[in-house]
Amino acid sequence: MSVFHNRNAEDAVGKDFYDKWGGRIYVASAGEKWVDCMNLGVNKGNSLKRFQEHYNISADETLAFGDNINDIEMLKRAAHSFAVANAREEVKEAANFVTDSNREDGVLKVLKAVLRGELC
């Protein structure tokens, strides 16, 4: 389930929501206007782990990008993890690298550098 609010979803659901449901479901900000609510143990990191295991892909062979709280677990599963410059501070701390913002095509710049053999 996702919660949408046209201005600020985190503020709309409030601390009480996180306190009440945080231990029973996975609750994470997915952007200014969205909050994700899922079963415990369901997150992008666990999904990436299953993908890596299924296709025998190591963390060193994995590139990931993120900008919000719901990306942190995924970033921790990739040796080449990038936060965009306009990401939340928690995401920048979880990533191994920071690239330009999404408005400055940060993800595209990294992907082009990888394809040119300059990164990873």
PDB file of N, CA and C in Angstrom:
ATOM      1  N   MET A   1       0.843  -1.150   0.000  1.00  0.00           N
ATOM      2  CA  MET A   1       0.000   0.000   0.000  1.00  0.00           C
ATOM      3  C   MET A   1       0.899   1.226   0.000  1.00  0.00           C
ATOM      4  N   SER A   2       0.473   2.253  -0.661  1.00  0.00           N
ATOM      5  CA  SER A   2       1.174   3.528  -0.634  1.00  0.00           C
ATOM      6  C   SER A   2       0.218   4.618  -0.174  1.00  0.00           C
ATOM      7  N   VAL A   3       0.765   5.558   0.566  1.00  0.00           N
ATOM      8  CA  VAL A   3      -0.002   6.720   1.009  1.00  0.00           C
ATOM      9  C   VAL A   3       0.455   7.899   0.168  1.00  0.00           C
ATOM     10  N   PHE A   4      -0.499   8.623  -0.389  1.00  0.00           N
ATOM     11  CA  PHE A   4      -0.201   9.803  -1.198  1.00  0.00           C
ATOM     12  C   PHE A   4      -0.760  11.038  -0.517  1.00  0.00           C
ATOM     13  N   HIS A   5       0.026  12.104  -0.563  1.00  0.00           N
ATOM     14  CA  HIS A   5      -0.455  13.412  -0.127  1.00  0.00           C
ATOM     15  C   HIS A   5       0.134  14.432  -1.085  1.00  0.00           C
ATOM     16  N   ASN A   6      -0.661  15.384  -1.530  1.00  0.00           N
ATOM     17  CA  ASN A   6      -0.216  16.292  -2.593  1.00  0.00           C
ATOM     18  C   ASN A   6       0.871  17.265  -2.154  1.00  0.00           C
ATOM     19  N   ARG A   7       1.161  17.354  -0.853  1.00  0.00           N
ATOM     20  CA  ARG A   7       2.247  18.248  -0.412  1.00  0.00           C
ATOM     21  C   ARG A   7       3.359  17.491   0.294  1.00  0.00           C
ATOM     22  N   ASN A   8       3.030  16.709   1.335  1.00  0.00           N
ATOM     23  CA  ASN A   8       4.058  16.029   2.109  1.00  0.00           C
ATOM     24  C   ASN A   8       3.450  14.811   2.798  1.00  0.00           C
ATOM     25  N   ALA A   9       3.703  13.645   2.242  1.00  0.00           N
ATOM     26  CA  ALA A   9       3.104  12.416   2.762  1.00  0.00           C
ATOM     27  C   ALA A   9       3.611  12.075   4.155  1.00  0.00           C
ATOM     28  N   GLU A  10       4.899  12.285   4.411  1.00  0.00           N
ATOM     29  CA  GLU A  10       5.435  11.982   5.742  1.00  0.00           C
ATOM     30  C   GLU A  10       4.727  12.793   6.819  1.00  0.00           C
ATOM     31  N   ASP A  11       4.566  14.082   6.563  1.00  0.00           N
ATOM     32  CA  ASP A  11       3.864  14.925   7.527  1.00  0.00           C
ATOM     33  C   ASP A  11       2.394  14.525   7.641  1.00  0.00           C
ATOM     34  N   ALA A  12       1.798  14.125   6.522  1.00  0.00           N
ATOM     35  CA  ALA A  12       0.370  13.775   6.527  1.00  0.00           C
ATOM     36  C   ALA A  12       0.114  12.528   7.371  1.00  0.00           C
ATOM     37  N   VAL A  13       0.959  11.509   7.253  1.00  0.00           N
ATOM     38  CA  VAL A  13       0.735  10.306   8.057  1.00  0.00           C
ATOM     39  C   VAL A  13       1.187  10.528   9.492  1.00  0.00           C
ATOM     40  N   GLY A  14       2.215  11.319   9.693  1.00  0.00           N
ATOM     41  CA  GLY A  14       2.650  11.726  11.023  1.00  0.00           C
ATOM     42  C   GLY A  14       3.426  10.684  11.793  1.00  0.00           C
ATOM     43  N   LYS A  15       4.073  11.139  12.825  1.00  0.00           N
ATOM     44  CA  LYS A  15       4.899  10.294  13.684  1.00  0.00           C
ATOM     45  C   LYS A  15       4.077   9.199  14.341  1.00  0.00           C
ATOM     46  N   ASP A  16       2.852   9.485  14.718  1.00  0.00           N
ATOM     47  CA  ASP A  16       2.007   8.478  15.362  1.00  0.00           C
ATOM     48  C   ASP A  16       1.808   7.260  14.465  1.00  0.00           C
ATOM     49  N   PHE A  17       1.647   7.501  13.166  1.00  0.00           N
ATOM     50  CA  PHE A  17       1.491   6.404  12.207  1.00  0.00           C
ATOM     51  C   PHE A  17       2.747   5.538  12.207  1.00  0.00           C
ATOM     52  N   TYR A  18       3.933   6.161  12.119  1.00  0.00           N
ATOM     53  CA  TYR A  18       5.192   5.418  12.124  1.00  0.00           C
ATOM     54  C   TYR A  18       5.351   4.643  13.428  1.00  0.00           C
ATOM     55  N   ASP A  19       5.046   5.293  14.544  1.00  0.00           N
ATOM     56  CA  ASP A  19       5.175   4.630  15.839  1.00  0.00           C
ATOM     57  C   ASP A  19       4.224   3.442  15.971  1.00  0.00           C
ATOM     58  N   LYS A  20       2.991   3.607  15.510  1.00  0.00           N
ATOM     59  CA  LYS A  20       1.994   2.536  15.637  1.00  0.00           C
ATOM     60  C   LYS A  20       2.280   1.365  14.698  1.00  0.00           C
ATOM     61  N   TRP A  21       2.620   1.647  13.447  1.00  0.00           N
ATOM     62  CA  TRP A  21       2.736   0.602  12.440  1.00  0.00           C
ATOM     63  C   TRP A  21       4.167   0.190  12.120  1.00  0.00           C
ATOM     64  N   GLY A  22       5.135   1.000  12.521  1.00  0.00           N
ATOM     65  CA  GLY A  22       6.526   0.741  12.155  1.00  0.00           C
ATOM     66  C   GLY A  22       7.067  -0.617  12.530  1.00  0.00           C
ATOM     67  N   GLY A  23       6.624  -1.190  13.628  1.00  0.00           N
ATOM     68  CA  GLY A  23       7.086  -2.513  14.024  1.00  0.00           C
ATOM     69  C   GLY A  23       6.303  -3.658  13.425  1.00  0.00           C
ATOM     70  N   ARG A  24       5.160  -3.344  12.804  1.00  0.00           N
ATOM     71  CA  ARG A  24       4.301  -4.390  12.250  1.00  0.00           C
ATOM     72  C   ARG A  24       4.347  -4.458  10.730  1.00  0.00           C
ATOM     73  N   ILE A  25       4.664  -3.332  10.106  1.00  0.00           N
ATOM     74  CA  ILE A  25       4.822  -3.288   8.650  1.00  0.00           C
ATOM     75  C   ILE A  25       6.052  -2.437   8.339  1.00  0.00           C
ATOM     76  N   TYR A  26       6.572  -2.587   7.150  1.00  0.00           N
ATOM     77  CA  TYR A  26       7.689  -1.773   6.698  1.00  0.00           C
ATOM     78  C   TYR A  26       7.114  -0.455   6.174  1.00  0.00           C
ATOM     79  N   VAL A  27       7.504   0.648   6.790  1.00  0.00           N
ATOM     80  CA  VAL A  27       7.010   1.967   6.408  1.00  0.00           C
ATOM     81  C   VAL A  27       8.217   2.809   6.017  1.00  0.00           C
ATOM     82  N   ALA A  28       8.223   3.330   4.787  1.00  0.00           N
ATOM     83  CA  ALA A  28       9.365   4.125   4.339  1.00  0.00           C
ATOM     84  C   ALA A  28       8.911   5.203   3.372  1.00  0.00           C
ATOM     85  N   SER A  29       9.525   6.358   3.500  1.00  0.00           N
ATOM     86  CA  SER A  29       9.254   7.447   2.570  1.00  0.00           C
ATOM     87  C   SER A  29       9.738   7.042   1.181  1.00  0.00           C
ATOM     88  N   ALA A  30       8.895   7.306   0.201  1.00  0.00           N
ATOM     89  CA  ALA A  30       9.235   6.995  -1.187  1.00  0.00           C
ATOM     90  C   ALA A  30       9.297   8.271  -2.016  1.00  0.00           C
ATOM     91  N   GLY A  31       9.328   9.392  -1.383  1.00  0.00           N
ATOM     92  CA  GLY A  31       9.342  10.679  -2.052  1.00  0.00           C
ATOM     93  C   GLY A  31       8.527  11.659  -1.241  1.00  0.00           C
ATOM     94  N   GLU A  32       8.557  12.883  -1.642  1.00  0.00           N
ATOM     95  CA  GLU A  32       7.856  13.922  -0.891  1.00  0.00           C
ATOM     96  C   GLU A  32       6.369  13.625  -0.741  1.00  0.00           C
ATOM     97  N   LYS A  33       5.780  13.040  -1.773  1.00  0.00           N
ATOM     98  CA  LYS A  33       4.330  12.846  -1.780  1.00  0.00           C
ATOM     99  C   LYS A  33       3.895  11.411  -1.504  1.00  0.00           C
ATOM    100  N   TRP A  34       4.844  10.489  -1.276  1.00  0.00           N
ATOM    101  CA  TRP A  34       4.499   9.079  -1.131  1.00  0.00           C
ATOM    102  C   TRP A  34       5.161   8.453   0.085  1.00  0.00           C
ATOM    103  N   VAL A  35       4.451   7.556   0.752  1.00  0.00           N
ATOM    104  CA  VAL A  35       4.988   6.707   1.806  1.00  0.00           C
ATOM    105  C   VAL A  35       4.600   5.277   1.454  1.00  0.00           C
ATOM    106  N   ASP A  36       5.586   4.374   1.413  1.00  0.00           N
ATOM    107  CA  ASP A  36       5.336   2.962   1.127  1.00  0.00           C
ATOM    108  C   ASP A  36       5.037   2.218   2.413  1.00  0.00           C
ATOM    109  N   CYS A  37       4.073   1.314   2.359  1.00  0.00           N
ATOM    110  CA  CYS A  37       3.722   0.449   3.489  1.00  0.00           C
ATOM    111  C   CYS A  37       3.636  -0.978   2.948  1.00  0.00           C
ATOM    112  N   MET A  38       4.497  -1.873   3.484  1.00  0.00           N
ATOM    113  CA  MET A  38       4.553  -3.245   2.976  1.00  0.00           C
ATOM    114  C   MET A  38       4.731  -4.220   4.130  1.00  0.00           C
ATOM    115  N   ASN A  39       4.611  -5.502   3.843  1.00  0.00           N
ATOM    116  CA  ASN A  39       4.886  -6.519   4.847  1.00  0.00           C
ATOM    117  C   ASN A  39       6.327  -6.368   5.331  1.00  0.00           C
ATOM    118  N   LEU A  40       6.559  -6.713   6.596  1.00  0.00           N
ATOM    119  CA  LEU A  40       7.922  -6.699   7.110  1.00  0.00           C
ATOM    120  C   LEU A  40       8.792  -7.616   6.254  1.00  0.00           C
ATOM    121  N   GLY A  41       9.991  -7.204   6.001  1.00  0.00           N
ATOM    122  CA  GLY A  41      10.911  -7.995   5.185  1.00  0.00           C
ATOM    123  C   GLY A  41      10.785  -7.748   3.694  1.00  0.00           C
ATOM    124  N   VAL A  42       9.791  -6.985   3.290  1.00  0.00           N
ATOM    125  CA  VAL A  42       9.617  -6.663   1.877  1.00  0.00           C
ATOM    126  C   VAL A  42      10.183  -5.269   1.640  1.00  0.00           C
ATOM    127  N   ASN A  43      11.239  -5.219   0.855  1.00  0.00           N
ATOM    128  CA  ASN A  43      11.843  -3.943   0.508  1.00  0.00           C
ATOM    129  C   ASN A  43      12.721  -4.139  -0.725  1.00  0.00           C
ATOM    130  N   LYS A  44      13.220  -3.073  -1.268  1.00  0.00           N
ATOM    131  CA  LYS A  44      14.024  -3.152  -2.487  1.00  0.00           C
ATOM    132  C   LYS A  44      15.313  -3.934  -2.270  1.00  0.00           C
ATOM    133  N   GLY A  45      15.864  -3.865  -1.070  1.00  0.00           N
ATOM    134  CA  GLY A  45      17.089  -4.608  -0.771  1.00  0.00           C
ATOM    135  C   GLY A  45      16.881  -6.107  -0.824  1.00  0.00           C
ATOM    136  N   ASN A  46      15.801  -6.582  -0.208  1.00  0.00           N
ATOM    137  CA  ASN A  46      15.510  -8.017  -0.247  1.00  0.00           C
ATOM    138  C   ASN A  46      15.163  -8.482  -1.653  1.00  0.00           C
ATOM    139  N   SER A  47      14.495  -7.641  -2.415  1.00  0.00           N
ATOM    140  CA  SER A  47      14.189  -7.989  -3.805  1.00  0.00           C
ATOM    141  C   SER A  47      15.471  -8.093  -4.617  1.00  0.00           C
ATOM    142  N   LEU A  48      16.367  -7.150  -4.428  1.00  0.00           N
ATOM    143  CA  LEU A  48      17.643  -7.196  -5.149  1.00  0.00           C
ATOM    144  C   LEU A  48      18.449  -8.417  -4.724  1.00  0.00           C
ATOM    145  N   LYS A  49      18.432  -8.752  -3.447  1.00  0.00           N
ATOM    146  CA  LYS A  49      19.142  -9.940  -2.960  1.00  0.00           C
ATOM    147  C   LYS A  49      18.646 -11.196  -3.659  1.00  0.00           C
ATOM    148  N   ARG A  50      17.341 -11.346  -3.751  1.00  0.00           N
ATOM    149  CA  ARG A  50      16.777 -12.524  -4.435  1.00  0.00           C
ATOM    150  C   ARG A  50      17.187 -12.556  -5.905  1.00  0.00           C
ATOM    151  N   PHE A  51      17.178 -11.396  -6.552  1.00  0.00           N
ATOM    152  CA  PHE A  51      17.603 -11.308  -7.955  1.00  0.00           C
ATOM    153  C   PHE A  51      19.069 -11.715  -8.081  1.00  0.00           C
ATOM    154  N   GLN A  52      19.914 -11.177  -7.201  1.00  0.00           N
ATOM    155  CA  GLN A  52      21.338 -11.507  -7.233  1.00  0.00           C
ATOM    156  C   GLN A  52      21.558 -13.008  -7.031  1.00  0.00           C
ATOM    157  N   GLU A  53      20.868 -13.578  -6.071  1.00  0.00           N
ATOM    158  CA  GLU A  53      21.018 -15.009  -5.806  1.00  0.00           C
ATOM    159  C   GLU A  53      20.536 -15.847  -6.981  1.00  0.00           C
ATOM    160  N   HIS A  54      19.398 -15.494  -7.541  1.00  0.00           N
ATOM    161  CA  HIS A  54      18.827 -16.260  -8.654  1.00  0.00           C
ATOM    162  C   HIS A  54      19.748 -16.258  -9.876  1.00  0.00           C
ATOM    163  N   TYR A  55      20.360 -15.110 -10.163  1.00  0.00           N
ATOM    164  CA  TYR A  55      21.210 -14.986 -11.351  1.00  0.00           C
ATOM    165  C   TYR A  55      22.707 -15.052 -11.021  1.00  0.00           C
ATOM    166  N   ASN A  56      23.039 -15.423  -9.769  1.00  0.00           N
ATOM    167  CA  ASN A  56      24.426 -15.555  -9.339  1.00  0.00           C
ATOM    168  C   ASN A  56      25.235 -14.283  -9.629  1.00  0.00           C
ATOM    169  N   ILE A  57      24.698 -13.157  -9.184  1.00  0.00           N
ATOM    170  CA  ILE A  57      25.331 -11.850  -9.377  1.00  0.00           C
ATOM    171  C   ILE A  57      25.844 -11.379  -8.020  1.00  0.00           C
ATOM    172  N   SER A  58      27.113 -11.005  -7.970  1.00  0.00           N
ATOM    173  CA  SER A  58      27.692 -10.543  -6.707  1.00  0.00           C
ATOM    174  C   SER A  58      27.367  -9.066  -6.479  1.00  0.00           C
ATOM    175  N   ALA A  59      27.569  -8.640  -5.246  1.00  0.00           N
ATOM    176  CA  ALA A  59      27.384  -7.215  -4.925  1.00  0.00           C
ATOM    177  C   ALA A  59      28.343  -6.363  -5.747  1.00  0.00           C
ATOM    178  N   ASP A  60      29.541  -6.887  -6.024  1.00  0.00           N
ATOM    179  CA  ASP A  60      30.515  -6.138  -6.811  1.00  0.00           C
ATOM    180  C   ASP A  60      30.083  -5.981  -8.268  1.00  0.00           C
ATOM    181  N   GLU A  61      29.176  -6.810  -8.715  1.00  0.00           N
ATOM    182  CA  GLU A  61      28.655  -6.729 -10.077  1.00  0.00           C
ATOM    183  C   GLU A  61      27.345  -5.952 -10.138  1.00  0.00           C
ATOM    184  N   THR A  62      26.997  -5.302  -9.048  1.00  0.00           N
ATOM    185  CA  THR A  62      25.701  -4.637  -8.935  1.00  0.00           C
ATOM    186  C   THR A  62      25.862  -3.133  -8.809  1.00  0.00           C
ATOM    187  N   LEU A  63      25.069  -2.426  -9.597  1.00  0.00           N
ATOM    188  CA  LEU A  63      25.010  -0.964  -9.604  1.00  0.00           C
ATOM    189  C   LEU A  63      23.596  -0.571  -9.210  1.00  0.00           C
ATOM    190  N   ALA A  64      23.467   0.359  -8.265  1.00  0.00           N
ATOM    191  CA  ALA A  64      22.142   0.788  -7.824  1.00  0.00           C
ATOM    192  C   ALA A  64      22.132   2.293  -7.593  1.00  0.00           C
ATOM    193  N   PHE A  65      20.970   2.890  -7.793  1.00  0.00           N
ATOM    194  CA  PHE A  65      20.784   4.331  -7.610  1.00  0.00           C
ATOM    195  C   PHE A  65      19.608   4.559  -6.676  1.00  0.00           C
ATOM    196  N   GLY A  66      19.692   5.620  -5.866  1.00  0.00           N
ATOM    197  CA  GLY A  66      18.592   5.920  -4.978  1.00  0.00           C
ATOM    198  C   GLY A  66      18.520   7.385  -4.615  1.00  0.00           C
ATOM    199  N   ASP A  67      17.340   7.755  -4.087  1.00  0.00           N
ATOM    200  CA  ASP A  67      17.148   9.141  -3.660  1.00  0.00           C
ATOM    201  C   ASP A  67      16.322   9.255  -2.387  1.00  0.00           C
ATOM    202  N   ASN A  68      15.671   8.149  -1.970  1.00  0.00           N
ATOM    203  CA  ASN A  68      14.792   8.269  -0.819  1.00  0.00           C
ATOM    204  C   ASN A  68      14.938   7.078   0.111  1.00  0.00           C
ATOM    205  N   ILE A  69      14.283   7.155   1.253  1.00  0.00           N
ATOM    206  CA  ILE A  69      14.414   6.158   2.318  1.00  0.00           C
ATOM    207  C   ILE A  69      14.150   4.741   1.817  1.00  0.00           C
ATOM    208  N   ASN A  70      13.189   4.572   0.946  1.00  0.00           N
ATOM    209  CA  ASN A  70      12.851   3.234   0.469  1.00  0.00           C
ATOM    210  C   ASN A  70      13.935   2.624  -0.417  1.00  0.00           C
ATOM    211  N   ASP A  71      15.003   3.351  -0.708  1.00  0.00           N
ATOM    212  CA  ASP A  71      16.116   2.844  -1.517  1.00  0.00           C
ATOM    213  C   ASP A  71      17.308   2.380  -0.679  1.00  0.00           C
ATOM    214  N   ILE A  72      17.331   2.680   0.607  1.00  0.00           N
ATOM    215  CA  ILE A  72      18.517   2.429   1.430  1.00  0.00           C
ATOM    216  C   ILE A  72      18.913   0.958   1.453  1.00  0.00           C
ATOM    217  N   GLU A  73      17.989   0.056   1.686  1.00  0.00           N
ATOM    218  CA  GLU A  73      18.334  -1.368   1.729  1.00  0.00           C
ATOM    219  C   GLU A  73      18.906  -1.843   0.402  1.00  0.00           C
ATOM    220  N   MET A  74      18.381  -1.351  -0.691  1.00  0.00           N
ATOM    221  CA  MET A  74      18.884  -1.708  -2.016  1.00  0.00           C
ATOM    222  C   MET A  74      20.310  -1.218  -2.200  1.00  0.00           C
ATOM    223  N   LEU A  75      20.575   0.010  -1.791  1.00  0.00           N
ATOM    224  CA  LEU A  75      21.915   0.575  -1.937  1.00  0.00           C
ATOM    225  C   LEU A  75      22.945  -0.234  -1.158  1.00  0.00           C
ATOM    226  N   LYS A  76      22.550  -0.779  -0.030  1.00  0.00           N
ATOM    227  CA  LYS A  76      23.470  -1.567   0.790  1.00  0.00           C
ATOM    228  C   LYS A  76      23.823  -2.908   0.157  1.00  0.00           C
ATOM    229  N   ARG A  77      23.039  -3.360  -0.813  1.00  0.00           N
ATOM    230  CA  ARG A  77      23.282  -4.641  -1.497  1.00  0.00           C
ATOM    231  C   ARG A  77      24.176  -4.489  -2.721  1.00  0.00           C
ATOM    232  N   ALA A  78      24.528  -3.270  -3.084  1.00  0.00           N
ATOM    233  CA  ALA A  78      25.315  -3.020  -4.293  1.00  0.00           C
ATOM    234  C   ALA A  78      26.642  -2.374  -3.927  1.00  0.00           C
ATOM    235  N   ALA A  79      27.734  -2.933  -4.425  1.00  0.00           N
ATOM    236  CA  ALA A  79      29.048  -2.332  -4.181  1.00  0.00           C
ATOM    237  C   ALA A  79      29.163  -0.982  -4.867  1.00  0.00           C
ATOM    238  N   HIS A  80      28.449  -0.832  -5.959  1.00  0.00           N
ATOM    239  CA  HIS A  80      28.472   0.413  -6.721  1.00  0.00           C
ATOM    240  C   HIS A  80      27.125   1.115  -6.525  1.00  0.00           C
ATOM    241  N   SER A  81      26.946   1.673  -5.337  1.00  0.00           N
ATOM    242  CA  SER A  81      25.683   2.326  -5.018  1.00  0.00           C
ATOM    243  C   SER A  81      25.855   3.836  -5.068  1.00  0.00           C
ATOM    244  N   PHE A  82      24.903   4.475  -5.712  1.00  0.00           N
ATOM    245  CA  PHE A  82      24.953   5.916  -5.922  1.00  0.00           C
ATOM    246  C   PHE A  82      23.676   6.572  -5.414  1.00  0.00           C
ATOM    247  N   ALA A  83      23.852   7.664  -4.691  1.00  0.00           N
ATOM    248  CA  ALA A  83      22.732   8.535  -4.355  1.00  0.00           C
ATOM    249  C   ALA A  83      22.835   9.733  -5.280  1.00  0.00           C
ATOM    250  N   VAL A  84      21.725  10.240  -5.732  1.00  0.00           N
ATOM    251  CA  VAL A  84      21.759  11.474  -6.514  1.00  0.00           C
ATOM    252  C   VAL A  84      21.950  12.643  -5.555  1.00  0.00           C
ATOM    253  N   ALA A  85      22.508  13.729  -6.050  1.00  0.00           N
ATOM    254  CA  ALA A  85      22.864  14.870  -5.202  1.00  0.00           C
ATOM    255  C   ALA A  85      21.676  15.446  -4.445  1.00  0.00           C
ATOM    256  N   ASN A  86      20.478  15.330  -5.005  1.00  0.00           N
ATOM    257  CA  ASN A  86      19.288  15.856  -4.337  1.00  0.00           C
ATOM    258  C   ASN A  86      18.597  14.806  -3.465  1.00  0.00           C
ATOM    259  N   ALA A  87      19.287  13.706  -3.175  1.00  0.00           N
ATOM    260  CA  ALA A  87      18.743  12.665  -2.301  1.00  0.00           C
ATOM    261  C   ALA A  87      18.725  13.143  -0.855  1.00  0.00           C
ATOM    262  N   ARG A  88      17.927  12.475  -0.057  1.00  0.00           N
ATOM    263  CA  ARG A  88      17.918  12.745   1.376  1.00  0.00           C
ATOM    264  C   ARG A  88      19.291  12.390   1.958  1.00  0.00           C
ATOM    265  N   GLU A  89      19.649  13.047   3.036  1.00  0.00           N
ATOM    266  CA  GLU A  89      20.964  12.838   3.654  1.00  0.00           C
ATOM    267  C   GLU A  89      21.171  11.386   4.074  1.00  0.00           C
ATOM    268  N   GLU A  90      20.131  10.740   4.595  1.00  0.00           N
ATOM    269  CA  GLU A  90      20.242   9.345   5.013  1.00  0.00           C
ATOM    270  C   GLU A  90      20.612   8.444   3.841  1.00  0.00           C
ATOM    271  N   VAL A  91      20.125   8.782   2.662  1.00  0.00           N
ATOM    272  CA  VAL A  91      20.403   7.994   1.467  1.00  0.00           C
ATOM    273  C   VAL A  91      21.843   8.228   1.017  1.00  0.00           C
ATOM    274  N   LYS A  92      22.289   9.459   1.055  1.00  0.00           N
ATOM    275  CA  LYS A  92      23.680   9.767   0.708  1.00  0.00           C
ATOM    276  C   LYS A  92      24.640   9.022   1.632  1.00  0.00           C
ATOM    277  N   GLU A  93      24.310   8.942   2.909  1.00  0.00           N
ATOM    278  CA  GLU A  93      25.159   8.232   3.858  1.00  0.00           C
ATOM    279  C   GLU A  93      25.184   6.734   3.580  1.00  0.00           C
ATOM    280  N   ALA A  94      24.088   6.169   3.106  1.00  0.00           N
ATOM    281  CA  ALA A  94      24.007   4.739   2.828  1.00  0.00           C
ATOM    282  C   ALA A  94      24.705   4.366   1.529  1.00  0.00           C
ATOM    283  N   ALA A  95      24.780   5.288   0.591  1.00  0.00           N
ATOM    284  CA  ALA A  95      25.388   5.013  -0.714  1.00  0.00           C
ATOM    285  C   ALA A  95      26.909   5.103  -0.626  1.00  0.00           C
ATOM    286  N   ASN A  96      27.565   4.392  -1.522  1.00  0.00           N
ATOM    287  CA  ASN A  96      29.028   4.466  -1.596  1.00  0.00           C
ATOM    288  C   ASN A  96      29.502   5.698  -2.349  1.00  0.00           C
ATOM    289  N   PHE A  97      28.648   6.236  -3.214  1.00  0.00           N
ATOM    290  CA  PHE A  97      29.009   7.391  -4.027  1.00  0.00           C
ATOM    291  C   PHE A  97      27.808   8.325  -4.161  1.00  0.00           C
ATOM    292  N   VAL A  98      28.088   9.570  -4.482  1.00  0.00           N
ATOM    293  CA  VAL A  98      27.031  10.538  -4.782  1.00  0.00           C
ATOM    294  C   VAL A  98      27.300  11.068  -6.179  1.00  0.00           C
ATOM    295  N   THR A  99      26.282  11.095  -7.006  1.00  0.00           N
ATOM    296  CA  THR A  99      26.397  11.619  -8.359  1.00  0.00           C
ATOM    297  C   THR A  99      25.573  12.902  -8.459  1.00  0.00           C
ATOM    298  N   ASP A 100      25.584  13.500  -9.631  1.00  0.00           N
ATOM    299  CA  ASP A 100      24.804  14.720  -9.837  1.00  0.00           C
ATOM    300  C   ASP A 100      23.319  14.455  -9.582  1.00  0.00           C
ATOM    301  N   SER A 101      22.561  15.514  -9.419  1.00  0.00           N
ATOM    302  CA  SER A 101      21.133  15.386  -9.137  1.00  0.00           C
ATOM    303  C   SER A 101      20.390  14.774 -10.322  1.00  0.00           C
ATOM    304  N   ASN A 102      19.159  14.394 -10.083  1.00  0.00           N
ATOM    305  CA  ASN A 102      18.338  13.864 -11.175  1.00  0.00           C
ATOM    306  C   ASN A 102      18.079  14.940 -12.230  1.00  0.00           C
ATOM    307  N   ARG A 103      18.030  16.187 -11.822  1.00  0.00           N
ATOM    308  CA  ARG A 103      17.817  17.284 -12.782  1.00  0.00           C
ATOM    309  C   ARG A 103      19.046  17.525 -13.658  1.00  0.00           C
ATOM    310  N   GLU A 104      20.198  17.049 -13.178  1.00  0.00           N
ATOM    311  CA  GLU A 104      21.445  17.186 -13.929  1.00  0.00           C
ATOM    312  C   GLU A 104      21.855  15.869 -14.577  1.00  0.00           C
ATOM    313  N   ASP A 105      20.912  14.943 -14.691  1.00  0.00           N
ATOM    314  CA  ASP A 105      21.134  13.640 -15.336  1.00  0.00           C
ATOM    315  C   ASP A 105      22.219  12.811 -14.664  1.00  0.00           C
ATOM    316  N   GLY A 106      22.268  12.841 -13.334  1.00  0.00           N
ATOM    317  CA  GLY A 106      23.291  12.106 -12.600  1.00  0.00           C
ATOM    318  C   GLY A 106      23.323  10.623 -12.902  1.00  0.00           C
ATOM    319  N   VAL A 107      22.175   9.975 -12.941  1.00  0.00           N
ATOM    320  CA  VAL A 107      22.117   8.544 -13.230  1.00  0.00           C
ATOM    321  C   VAL A 107      22.617   8.274 -14.642  1.00  0.00           C
ATOM    322  N   LEU A 108      22.171   9.051 -15.593  1.00  0.00           N
ATOM    323  CA  LEU A 108      22.598   8.876 -16.977  1.00  0.00           C
ATOM    324  C   LEU A 108      24.110   9.052 -17.114  1.00  0.00           C
ATOM    325  N   LYS A 109      24.672  10.026 -16.433  1.00  0.00           N
ATOM    326  CA  LYS A 109      26.125  10.252 -16.499  1.00  0.00           C
ATOM    327  C   LYS A 109      26.892   9.041 -15.982  1.00  0.00           C
ATOM    328  N   VAL A 110      26.431   8.457 -14.879  1.00  0.00           N
ATOM    329  CA  VAL A 110      27.106   7.272 -14.340  1.00  0.00           C
ATOM    330  C   VAL A 110      26.984   6.104 -15.305  1.00  0.00           C
ATOM    331  N   LEU A 111      25.788   5.882 -15.836  1.00  0.00           N
ATOM    332  CA  LEU A 111      25.594   4.772 -16.772  1.00  0.00           C
ATOM    333  C   LEU A 111      26.464   4.924 -18.020  1.00  0.00           C
ATOM    334  N   LYS A 112      26.565   6.125 -18.535  1.00  0.00           N
ATOM    335  CA  LYS A 112      27.431   6.366 -19.707  1.00  0.00           C
ATOM    336  C   LYS A 112      28.894   6.095 -19.353  1.00  0.00           C
ATOM    337  N   ALA A 113      29.317   6.499 -18.168  1.00  0.00           N
ATOM    338  CA  ALA A 113      30.702   6.252 -17.745  1.00  0.00           C
ATOM    339  C   ALA A 113      30.971   4.752 -17.612  1.00  0.00           C
ATOM    340  N   VAL A 114      29.994   4.012 -17.112  1.00  0.00           N
ATOM    341  CA  VAL A 114      30.132   2.556 -17.014  1.00  0.00           C
ATOM    342  C   VAL A 114      30.261   1.946 -18.408  1.00  0.00           C
ATOM    343  N   LEU A 115      29.413   2.368 -19.323  1.00  0.00           N
ATOM    344  CA  LEU A 115      29.465   1.828 -20.686  1.00  0.00           C
ATOM    345  C   LEU A 115      30.760   2.170 -21.407  1.00  0.00           C
ATOM    346  N   ARG A 116      31.361   3.304 -21.060  1.00  0.00           N
ATOM    347  CA  ARG A 116      32.657   3.683 -21.638  1.00  0.00           C
ATOM    348  C   ARG A 116      33.814   2.970 -20.959  1.00  0.00           C
ATOM    349  N   GLY A 117      33.541   2.225 -19.903  1.00  0.00           N
ATOM    350  CA  GLY A 117      34.581   1.514 -19.169  1.00  0.00           C
ATOM    351  C   GLY A 117      35.336   2.383 -18.168  1.00  0.00           C
ATOM    352  N   GLU A 118      34.792   3.531 -17.833  1.00  0.00           N
ATOM    353  CA  GLU A 118      35.465   4.453 -16.905  1.00  0.00           C
ATOM    354  C   GLU A 118      35.111   4.172 -15.446  1.00  0.00           C
ATOM    355  N   LEU A 119      34.024   3.487 -15.200  1.00  0.00           N
ATOM    356  CA  LEU A 119      33.593   3.147 -13.848  1.00  0.00           C
ATOM    357  C   LEU A 119      33.259   1.664 -13.786  1.00  0.00           C
ATOM    358  N   CYS A 120      33.365   1.133 -12.584  1.00  0.00           N
ATOM    359  CA  CYS A 120      32.994  -0.262 -12.284  1.00  0.00           C
ATOM    360  C   CYS A 120      33.766  -1.220 -13.141  1.00  0.00           C
TER     361      CYS A 120
END
